């Protein structure tokens, strides 16, 4: 089985500017461990409702909007 582990997002910035990489691991035991970890993480995950997310108060959205202004230089 194949496992991909890393920090790279699939976008231009990650590949060209942030020097992020992924490792391809071809190992059955590593793949099973990663799979088990993923499903364990899902137990603690919380689904986000789109309407609830978009209707958050302005002060909850403000930090995200400020961060978006600086995203080209981050």
PDB file of N, CA and C in Angstrom:
ATOM      1  N   UNK A   1       0.834  -1.183   0.000  1.00  0.00           N
ATOM      2  CA  UNK A   1       0.000   0.000   0.000  1.00  0.00           C
ATOM      3  C   UNK A   1       0.879   1.247   0.000  1.00  0.00           C
ATOM      4  N   UNK A   2       0.332   2.296  -0.533  1.00  0.00           N
ATOM      5  CA  UNK A   2       1.050   3.557  -0.664  1.00  0.00           C
ATOM      6  C   UNK A   2       0.470   4.588   0.292  1.00  0.00           C
ATOM      7  N   UNK A   3       1.341   5.309   0.986  1.00  0.00           N
ATOM      8  CA  UNK A   3       0.941   6.379   1.886  1.00  0.00           C
ATOM      9  C   UNK A   3       1.693   7.640   1.482  1.00  0.00           C
ATOM     10  N   UNK A   4       0.989   8.758   1.479  1.00  0.00           N
ATOM     11  CA  UNK A   4       1.619  10.042   1.197  1.00  0.00           C
ATOM     12  C   UNK A   4       1.575  10.870   2.476  1.00  0.00           C
ATOM     13  N   UNK A   5       2.745  11.271   2.956  1.00  0.00           N
ATOM     14  CA  UNK A   5       2.860  12.027   4.193  1.00  0.00           C
ATOM     15  C   UNK A   5       3.611  13.313   3.880  1.00  0.00           C
ATOM     16  N   UNK A   6       3.070  14.449   4.333  1.00  0.00           N
ATOM     17  CA  UNK A   6       3.790  15.684   4.102  1.00  0.00           C
ATOM     18  C   UNK A   6       2.970  16.909   4.408  1.00  0.00           C
ATOM     19  N   UNK A   7       3.536  18.046   4.043  1.00  0.00           N
ATOM     20  CA  UNK A   7       2.918  19.331   4.354  1.00  0.00           C
ATOM     21  C   UNK A   7       2.411  20.064   3.127  1.00  0.00           C
ATOM     22  N   UNK A   8       2.742  19.592   1.949  1.00  0.00           N
ATOM     23  CA  UNK A   8       2.446  20.350   0.736  1.00  0.00           C
ATOM     24  C   UNK A   8       0.949  20.361   0.429  1.00  0.00           C
ATOM     25  N   UNK A   9       0.447  21.523   0.137  1.00  0.00           N
ATOM     26  CA  UNK A   9      -0.892  21.677  -0.415  1.00  0.00           C
ATOM     27  C   UNK A   9      -0.751  21.616  -1.926  1.00  0.00           C
ATOM     28  N   UNK A  10      -1.806  21.318  -2.594  1.00  0.00           N
ATOM     29  CA  UNK A  10      -1.739  21.195  -4.045  1.00  0.00           C
ATOM     30  C   UNK A  10      -2.008  22.548  -4.696  1.00  0.00           C
ATOM     31  N   UNK A  11      -1.102  23.491  -4.459  1.00  0.00           N
ATOM     32  CA  UNK A  11      -1.243  24.796  -5.080  1.00  0.00           C
ATOM     33  C   UNK A  11       0.139  25.341  -5.448  1.00  0.00           C
ATOM     34  N   UNK A  12       0.124  26.360  -6.269  1.00  0.00           N
ATOM     35  CA  UNK A  12       1.358  26.951  -6.796  1.00  0.00           C
ATOM     36  C   UNK A  12       2.272  27.443  -5.677  1.00  0.00           C
ATOM     37  N   UNK A  13       1.697  28.126  -4.691  1.00  0.00           N
ATOM     38  CA  UNK A  13       2.506  28.703  -3.613  1.00  0.00           C
ATOM     39  C   UNK A  13       3.263  27.611  -2.848  1.00  0.00           C
ATOM     40  N   UNK A  14       2.604  26.520  -2.541  1.00  0.00           N
ATOM     41  CA  UNK A  14       3.252  25.448  -1.786  1.00  0.00           C
ATOM     42  C   UNK A  14       4.421  24.850  -2.552  1.00  0.00           C
ATOM     43  N   UNK A  15       4.245  24.654  -3.840  1.00  0.00           N
ATOM     44  CA  UNK A  15       5.296  24.025  -4.632  1.00  0.00           C
ATOM     45  C   UNK A  15       6.431  24.978  -4.982  1.00  0.00           C
ATOM     46  N   UNK A  16       6.124  26.234  -5.250  1.00  0.00           N
ATOM     47  CA  UNK A  16       7.145  27.160  -5.738  1.00  0.00           C
ATOM     48  C   UNK A  16       7.801  28.015  -4.654  1.00  0.00           C
ATOM     49  N   UNK A  17       7.044  28.412  -3.633  1.00  0.00           N
ATOM     50  CA  UNK A  17       7.577  29.380  -2.671  1.00  0.00           C
ATOM     51  C   UNK A  17       7.832  28.813  -1.279  1.00  0.00           C
ATOM     52  N   UNK A  18       7.017  27.881  -0.843  1.00  0.00           N
ATOM     53  CA  UNK A  18       7.111  27.420   0.538  1.00  0.00           C
ATOM     54  C   UNK A  18       8.019  26.214   0.719  1.00  0.00           C
ATOM     55  N   UNK A  19       8.533  25.681  -0.360  1.00  0.00           N
ATOM     56  CA  UNK A  19       9.459  24.551  -0.312  1.00  0.00           C
ATOM     57  C   UNK A  19       8.892  23.395   0.511  1.00  0.00           C
ATOM     58  N   UNK A  20       7.614  23.132   0.340  1.00  0.00           N
ATOM     59  CA  UNK A  20       6.965  22.034   1.036  1.00  0.00           C
ATOM     60  C   UNK A  20       7.135  20.755   0.226  1.00  0.00           C
ATOM     61  N   UNK A  21       7.163  19.643   0.923  1.00  0.00           N
ATOM     62  CA  UNK A  21       7.364  18.362   0.251  1.00  0.00           C
ATOM     63  C   UNK A  21       6.453  17.295   0.845  1.00  0.00           C
ATOM     64  N   UNK A  22       6.285  16.240   0.109  1.00  0.00           N
ATOM     65  CA  UNK A  22       5.586  15.050   0.571  1.00  0.00           C
ATOM     66  C   UNK A  22       6.514  13.859   0.397  1.00  0.00           C
ATOM     67  N   UNK A  23       6.324  12.865   1.242  1.00  0.00           N
ATOM     68  CA  UNK A  23       7.076  11.611   1.111  1.00  0.00           C
ATOM     69  C   UNK A  23       6.093  10.514   0.712  1.00  0.00           C
ATOM     70  N   UNK A  24       6.496   9.709  -0.241  1.00  0.00           N
ATOM     71  CA  UNK A  24       5.707   8.557  -0.643  1.00  0.00           C
ATOM     72  C   UNK A  24       6.303   7.332   0.063  1.00  0.00           C
ATOM     73  N   UNK A  25       5.466   6.682   0.867  1.00  0.00           N
ATOM     74  CA  UNK A  25       5.930   5.527   1.636  1.00  0.00           C
ATOM     75  C   UNK A  25       5.172   4.305   1.147  1.00  0.00           C
ATOM     76  N   UNK A  26       5.912   3.333   0.652  1.00  0.00           N
ATOM     77  CA  UNK A  26       5.308   2.097   0.151  1.00  0.00           C
ATOM     78  C   UNK A  26       5.564   1.005   1.178  1.00  0.00           C
ATOM     79  N   UNK A  27       4.641   0.901   2.149  1.00  0.00           N
ATOM     80  CA  UNK A  27       4.805  -0.064   3.233  1.00  0.00           C
ATOM     81  C   UNK A  27       3.437  -0.375   3.824  1.00  0.00           C
ATOM     82  N   UNK A  28       3.105  -1.649   3.920  1.00  0.00           N
ATOM     83  CA  UNK A  28       1.792  -2.083   4.404  1.00  0.00           C
ATOM     84  C   UNK A  28       1.540  -1.623   5.836  1.00  0.00           C
ATOM     85  N   UNK A  29       2.490  -1.801   6.735  1.00  0.00           N
ATOM     86  CA  UNK A  29       2.269  -1.460   8.140  1.00  0.00           C
ATOM     87  C   UNK A  29       2.127   0.043   8.342  1.00  0.00           C
ATOM     88  N   UNK A  30       2.903   0.840   7.623  1.00  0.00           N
ATOM     89  CA  UNK A  30       2.779   2.295   7.722  1.00  0.00           C
ATOM     90  C   UNK A  30       1.413   2.737   7.203  1.00  0.00           C
ATOM     91  N   UNK A  31       0.975   2.155   6.096  1.00  0.00           N
ATOM     92  CA  UNK A  31      -0.331   2.503   5.526  1.00  0.00           C
ATOM     93  C   UNK A  31      -1.456   2.172   6.503  1.00  0.00           C
ATOM     94  N   UNK A  32      -1.384   1.030   7.138  1.00  0.00           N
ATOM     95  CA  UNK A  32      -2.409   0.648   8.104  1.00  0.00           C
ATOM     96  C   UNK A  32      -2.404   1.577   9.315  1.00  0.00           C
ATOM     97  N   UNK A  33      -1.219   1.950   9.769  1.00  0.00           N
ATOM     98  CA  UNK A  33      -1.115   2.865  10.904  1.00  0.00           C
ATOM     99  C   UNK A  33      -1.702   4.238  10.559  1.00  0.00           C
ATOM    100  N   UNK A  34      -1.393   4.736   9.360  1.00  0.00           N
ATOM    101  CA  UNK A  34      -1.934   6.029   8.939  1.00  0.00           C
ATOM    102  C   UNK A  34      -3.457   5.966   8.783  1.00  0.00           C
ATOM    103  N   UNK A  35      -3.936   4.864   8.251  1.00  0.00           N
ATOM    104  CA  UNK A  35      -5.383   4.679   8.097  1.00  0.00           C
ATOM    105  C   UNK A  35      -6.063   4.679   9.461  1.00  0.00           C
ATOM    106  N   UNK A  36      -5.513   3.935  10.407  1.00  0.00           N
ATOM    107  CA  UNK A  36      -6.087   3.883  11.752  1.00  0.00           C
ATOM    108  C   UNK A  36      -6.053   5.248  12.429  1.00  0.00           C
ATOM    109  N   UNK A  37      -4.967   5.975  12.244  1.00  0.00           N
ATOM    110  CA  UNK A  37      -4.854   7.321  12.813  1.00  0.00           C
ATOM    111  C   UNK A  37      -5.905   8.240  12.217  1.00  0.00           C
ATOM    112  N   UNK A  38      -6.115   8.150  10.914  1.00  0.00           N
ATOM    113  CA  UNK A  38      -7.119   8.986  10.255  1.00  0.00           C
ATOM    114  C   UNK A  38      -8.508   8.736  10.833  1.00  0.00           C
ATOM    115  N   UNK A  39      -8.888   7.465  10.953  1.00  0.00           N
ATOM    116  CA  UNK A  39     -10.217   7.159  11.463  1.00  0.00           C
ATOM    117  C   UNK A  39     -10.352   7.492  12.945  1.00  0.00           C
ATOM    118  N   UNK A  40      -9.274   7.420  13.688  1.00  0.00           N
ATOM    119  CA  UNK A  40      -9.303   7.843  15.090  1.00  0.00           C
ATOM    120  C   UNK A  40      -9.518   9.357  15.166  1.00  0.00           C
ATOM    121  N   UNK A  41      -8.858  10.097  14.287  1.00  0.00           N
ATOM    122  CA  UNK A  41      -9.049  11.553  14.236  1.00  0.00           C
ATOM    123  C   UNK A  41     -10.482  11.918  13.875  1.00  0.00           C
ATOM    124  N   UNK A  42     -11.094  11.141  12.995  1.00  0.00           N
ATOM    125  CA  UNK A  42     -12.482  11.411  12.600  1.00  0.00           C
ATOM    126  C   UNK A  42     -13.437  11.351  13.790  1.00  0.00           C
ATOM    127  N   UNK A  43     -13.114  10.547  14.776  1.00  0.00           N
ATOM    128  CA  UNK A  43     -13.968  10.450  15.961  1.00  0.00           C
ATOM    129  C   UNK A  43     -14.033  11.776  16.710  1.00  0.00           C
ATOM    130  N   UNK A  44     -12.992  12.572  16.608  1.00  0.00           N
ATOM    131  CA  UNK A  44     -12.935  13.866  17.291  1.00  0.00           C
ATOM    132  C   UNK A  44     -13.295  15.033  16.381  1.00  0.00           C
ATOM    133  N   UNK A  45     -13.639  14.735  15.141  1.00  0.00           N
ATOM    134  CA  UNK A  45     -13.944  15.789  14.168  1.00  0.00           C
ATOM    135  C   UNK A  45     -15.365  16.309  14.370  1.00  0.00           C
ATOM    136  N   UNK A  46     -15.567  17.531  13.947  1.00  0.00           N
ATOM    137  CA  UNK A  46     -16.880  18.155  14.028  1.00  0.00           C
ATOM    138  C   UNK A  46     -17.273  18.646  12.644  1.00  0.00           C
ATOM    139  N   UNK A  47     -18.430  18.229  12.183  1.00  0.00           N
ATOM    140  CA  UNK A  47     -18.886  18.660  10.873  1.00  0.00           C
ATOM    141  C   UNK A  47     -19.309  20.126  10.939  1.00  0.00           C
ATOM    142  N   UNK A  48     -18.942  20.877   9.912  1.00  0.00           N
ATOM    143  CA  UNK A  48     -19.273  22.297   9.849  1.00  0.00           C
ATOM    144  C   UNK A  48     -20.450  22.488   8.917  1.00  0.00           C
ATOM    145  N   UNK A  49     -21.486  23.114   9.435  1.00  0.00           N
ATOM    146  CA  UNK A  49     -22.670  23.421   8.652  1.00  0.00           C
ATOM    147  C   UNK A  49     -22.424  24.720   7.878  1.00  0.00           C
ATOM    148  N   UNK A  50     -22.616  24.696   6.570  1.00  0.00           N
ATOM    149  CA  UNK A  50     -22.313  25.856   5.736  1.00  0.00           C
ATOM    150  C   UNK A  50     -23.119  27.087   6.149  1.00  0.00           C
ATOM    151  N   UNK A  51     -24.413  26.921   6.388  1.00  0.00           N
ATOM    152  CA  UNK A  51     -25.238  28.074   6.781  1.00  0.00           C
ATOM    153  C   UNK A  51     -24.785  28.654   8.110  1.00  0.00           C
ATOM    154  N   UNK A  52     -24.505  27.802   9.064  1.00  0.00           N
ATOM    155  CA  UNK A  52     -24.045  28.269  10.374  1.00  0.00           C
ATOM    156  C   UNK A  52     -22.701  28.982  10.252  1.00  0.00           C
ATOM    157  N   UNK A  53     -21.813  28.437   9.423  1.00  0.00           N
ATOM    158  CA  UNK A  53     -20.491  29.043   9.232  1.00  0.00           C
ATOM    159  C   UNK A  53     -20.612  30.435   8.615  1.00  0.00           C
ATOM    160  N   UNK A  54     -21.449  30.561   7.599  1.00  0.00           N
ATOM    161  CA  UNK A  54     -21.594  31.848   6.921  1.00  0.00           C
ATOM    162  C   UNK A  54     -22.359  32.869   7.753  1.00  0.00           C
ATOM    163  N   UNK A  55     -23.131  32.424   8.710  1.00  0.00           N
ATOM    164  CA  UNK A  55     -23.923  33.358   9.517  1.00  0.00           C
ATOM    165  C   UNK A  55     -23.248  33.693  10.850  1.00  0.00           C
ATOM    166  N   UNK A  56     -21.964  33.373  10.983  1.00  0.00           N
ATOM    167  CA  UNK A  56     -21.242  33.732  12.201  1.00  0.00           C
ATOM    168  C   UNK A  56     -21.197  35.253  12.346  1.00  0.00           C
ATOM    169  N   UNK A  57     -21.109  35.758  13.569  1.00  0.00           N
ATOM    170  CA  UNK A  57     -21.045  37.208  13.765  1.00  0.00           C
ATOM    171  C   UNK A  57     -19.775  37.801  13.148  1.00  0.00           C
ATOM    172  N   UNK A  58     -19.833  39.093  12.855  1.00  0.00           N
ATOM    173  CA  UNK A  58     -18.725  39.763  12.172  1.00  0.00           C
ATOM    174  C   UNK A  58     -17.418  39.655  12.947  1.00  0.00           C
ATOM    175  N   UNK A  59     -17.481  39.721  14.275  1.00  0.00           N
ATOM    176  CA  UNK A  59     -16.254  39.676  15.066  1.00  0.00           C
ATOM    177  C   UNK A  59     -15.592  38.295  15.032  1.00  0.00           C
ATOM    178  N   UNK A  60     -16.344  37.269  14.710  1.00  0.00           N
ATOM    179  CA  UNK A  60     -15.747  35.944  14.550  1.00  0.00           C
ATOM    180  C   UNK A  60     -15.074  35.814  13.186  1.00  0.00           C
ATOM    181  N   UNK A  61     -15.577  36.522  12.199  1.00  0.00           N
ATOM    182  CA  UNK A  61     -15.027  36.465  10.847  1.00  0.00           C
ATOM    183  C   UNK A  61     -13.867  37.442  10.640  1.00  0.00           C
ATOM    184  N   UNK A  62     -13.783  38.462  11.468  1.00  0.00           N
ATOM    185  CA  UNK A  62     -12.794  39.521  11.283  1.00  0.00           C
ATOM    186  C   UNK A  62     -11.347  39.015  11.208  1.00  0.00           C
ATOM    187  N   UNK A  63     -10.889  38.146  12.129  1.00  0.00           N
ATOM    188  CA  UNK A  63      -9.490  37.681  12.022  1.00  0.00           C
ATOM    189  C   UNK A  63      -9.183  36.978  10.705  1.00  0.00           C
ATOM    190  N   UNK A  64     -10.148  36.231  10.176  1.00  0.00           N
ATOM    191  CA  UNK A  64      -9.940  35.550   8.897  1.00  0.00           C
ATOM    192  C   UNK A  64      -9.818  36.548   7.752  1.00  0.00           C
ATOM    193  N   UNK A  65     -10.639  37.594   7.802  1.00  0.00           N
ATOM    194  CA  UNK A  65     -10.598  38.598   6.737  1.00  0.00           C
ATOM    195  C   UNK A  65      -9.303  39.396   6.783  1.00  0.00           C
ATOM    196  N   UNK A  66      -8.820  39.662   7.978  1.00  0.00           N
ATOM    197  CA  UNK A  66      -7.536  40.366   8.113  1.00  0.00           C
ATOM    198  C   UNK A  66      -6.399  39.480   7.602  1.00  0.00           C
ATOM    199  N   UNK A  67      -6.425  38.209   7.973  1.00  0.00           N
ATOM    200  CA  UNK A  67      -5.381  37.274   7.510  1.00  0.00           C
ATOM    201  C   UNK A  67      -5.388  37.157   5.990  1.00  0.00           C
ATOM    202  N   UNK A  68      -6.579  37.206   5.387  1.00  0.00           N
ATOM    203  CA  UNK A  68      -6.680  37.103   3.926  1.00  0.00           C
ATOM    204  C   UNK A  68      -5.976  38.277   3.247  1.00  0.00           C
ATOM    205  N   UNK A  69      -6.003  39.442   3.871  1.00  0.00           N
ATOM    206  CA  UNK A  69      -5.304  40.609   3.311  1.00  0.00           C
ATOM    207  C   UNK A  69      -3.808  40.362   3.210  1.00  0.00           C
ATOM    208  N   UNK A  70      -3.277  39.637   4.175  1.00  0.00           N
ATOM    209  CA  UNK A  70      -1.828  39.396   4.223  1.00  0.00           C
ATOM    210  C   UNK A  70      -1.409  38.093   3.558  1.00  0.00           C
ATOM    211  N   UNK A  71      -2.338  37.332   3.030  1.00  0.00           N
ATOM    212  CA  UNK A  71      -2.001  36.025   2.465  1.00  0.00           C
ATOM    213  C   UNK A  71      -0.970  36.081   1.335  1.00  0.00           C
ATOM    214  N   UNK A  72      -0.945  37.125   0.518  1.00  0.00           N
ATOM    215  CA  UNK A  72       0.095  37.133  -0.528  1.00  0.00           C
ATOM    216  C   UNK A  72       1.510  37.180   0.005  1.00  0.00           C
ATOM    217  N   UNK A  73       1.701  37.688   1.214  1.00  0.00           N
ATOM    218  CA  UNK A  73       3.067  37.791   1.758  1.00  0.00           C
ATOM    219  C   UNK A  73       3.355  36.771   2.844  1.00  0.00           C
ATOM    220  N   UNK A  74       2.382  35.944   3.180  1.00  0.00           N
ATOM    221  CA  UNK A  74       2.612  34.925   4.221  1.00  0.00           C
ATOM    222  C   UNK A  74       3.315  33.712   3.670  1.00  0.00           C
TER     223      UNK A  74
END
